[in-house]
Amino acid sequence: MKASKSKILGVLGGGQLGRMLIQSAINYNQDIHILDPDPQAPCRDIAQRFVCGSLKDFDTVYNFGKDCDIITVEIESVNTDALEKLQSEGVAVFPQPHILRLIQDKREQKKFYQQSGIPTAEFELTENKADVISKKNFLPAVNKLGKDGYDGRGVQVIRTEADLANAFDAPGLLEKLIDFDREIAVIVARNESGELKVYPSVECAFHPTANLVEFLFAPAEVSVQIEKEAQEIAKSVILKLGMVGILAVEMFVTKEGKVLVNEIAPRPHNSGHHTIEANFTSQFEQHLRAVMNWPLGDTDLRCPAAMINLLGEEGYTGEAIVEGREEAMAESGVYIHLYGKKITKPFRKMGHVTILDEEVENLKQRANRIKDLIKIKS
């Protein structure tokens, strides 16, 4: 029987994703060290070691990483130069630094899809606002900043010439506006030994103004053929990247039945939160298994599920109060996850709820009811 020495896993980022990763790691006595700029970060009190500091500062990231055997991330906006130096000195970094650098720039990400033969929407690179305006014949399109967009920021739809006044005045891209039937996501994981596992696709419904996922339904209501194609595309992306870790692949399904990659995230992702209860192996445990080079877990669904993001209510900023929690808890198959954030702000991700129900047609009705029941106010 092979025994292994315990290794320290360092995580750049101490938000809710890191928190749920730690919750999985506890089952394996796996020590997690966290670096985060927020002294009140959700991971502060549950990590074996918590360091408050910038994720973008070379020295801070390097000095934190020297004490770890393996480094991973829960956010892409980190100092990749420091990670490359750590990697050169023998610290394992997953996802690998060059992949994080690629993800940090949507322009490079789109070029990677194009060069790798991965289906994606037609696009044009732009350097500034004037460049966007000069490409008015490409409209309607989605204008995206190359760097520093996150959680819906740095993305806007430009439908007509009148909208061009709002174009981003920085390097970015214009992406053809897709008349899609639905948005889906597939999560895929790969460990250092090359073992690969893919999760069933999920269907995402976005908040009309915040550009954040509001609902998620698993499994996605797509044909067997589209499901197979989406899973093959997700596997192709992680293999062509040569990535170790967990990768969320967001896709459009067009009205003509084509599957196109929208964006990717090389970390646990909002589209996989339901897996904690709904799948045999959660995305957080799977990420842990992948970066530690442990055997990957079973990704099958235990039960159909819906997931609701609990966002801070519009018009409320201050100490968070959760309304409707006890009423929701009284329902069968309802699982509430709060992220330990003491202060609420409009549209801030404060938690999520997963609903399990064998009757798929019940899920949307129940999800809407629970969404209207639980409110995060101040």
Foldseek 3Di string as FASTA:
>chain_A
DDDDDAFEEEEEDQALQVVVLLVLCVVVVHAYEYEEQDCQHLCNPPHPHYHHDDQADLVVVLVVQVRGQEYEYPDLNGHLVNQVVSVVVRRHYFQHSVVSVCQQFVVSVVVVCVVLVQFAFDKDKAAFLVRVLVVQVLPQWKKAGGHDADQQPRIDTDHHSVSSVVHGGGTTMTTYDAQFPFKKKKKKAAAPVGDIDIAFIKTFDADPPRRHTFKIWPPDPDDPVLRVVRRVSNVSVCVVSVGFFMKMWMWTQHPVGDIHTDHMDRGDDPNQPLCVPFFPDGSSSQRVCRRVVHDGDGRYTPFIKMKGFAAAAAPAWAFKDKFQPVVQVVDPQKDWFASSDGIHYGRHRGTMIMGGDNDSVVHVVVSVVVNVGIHIHD
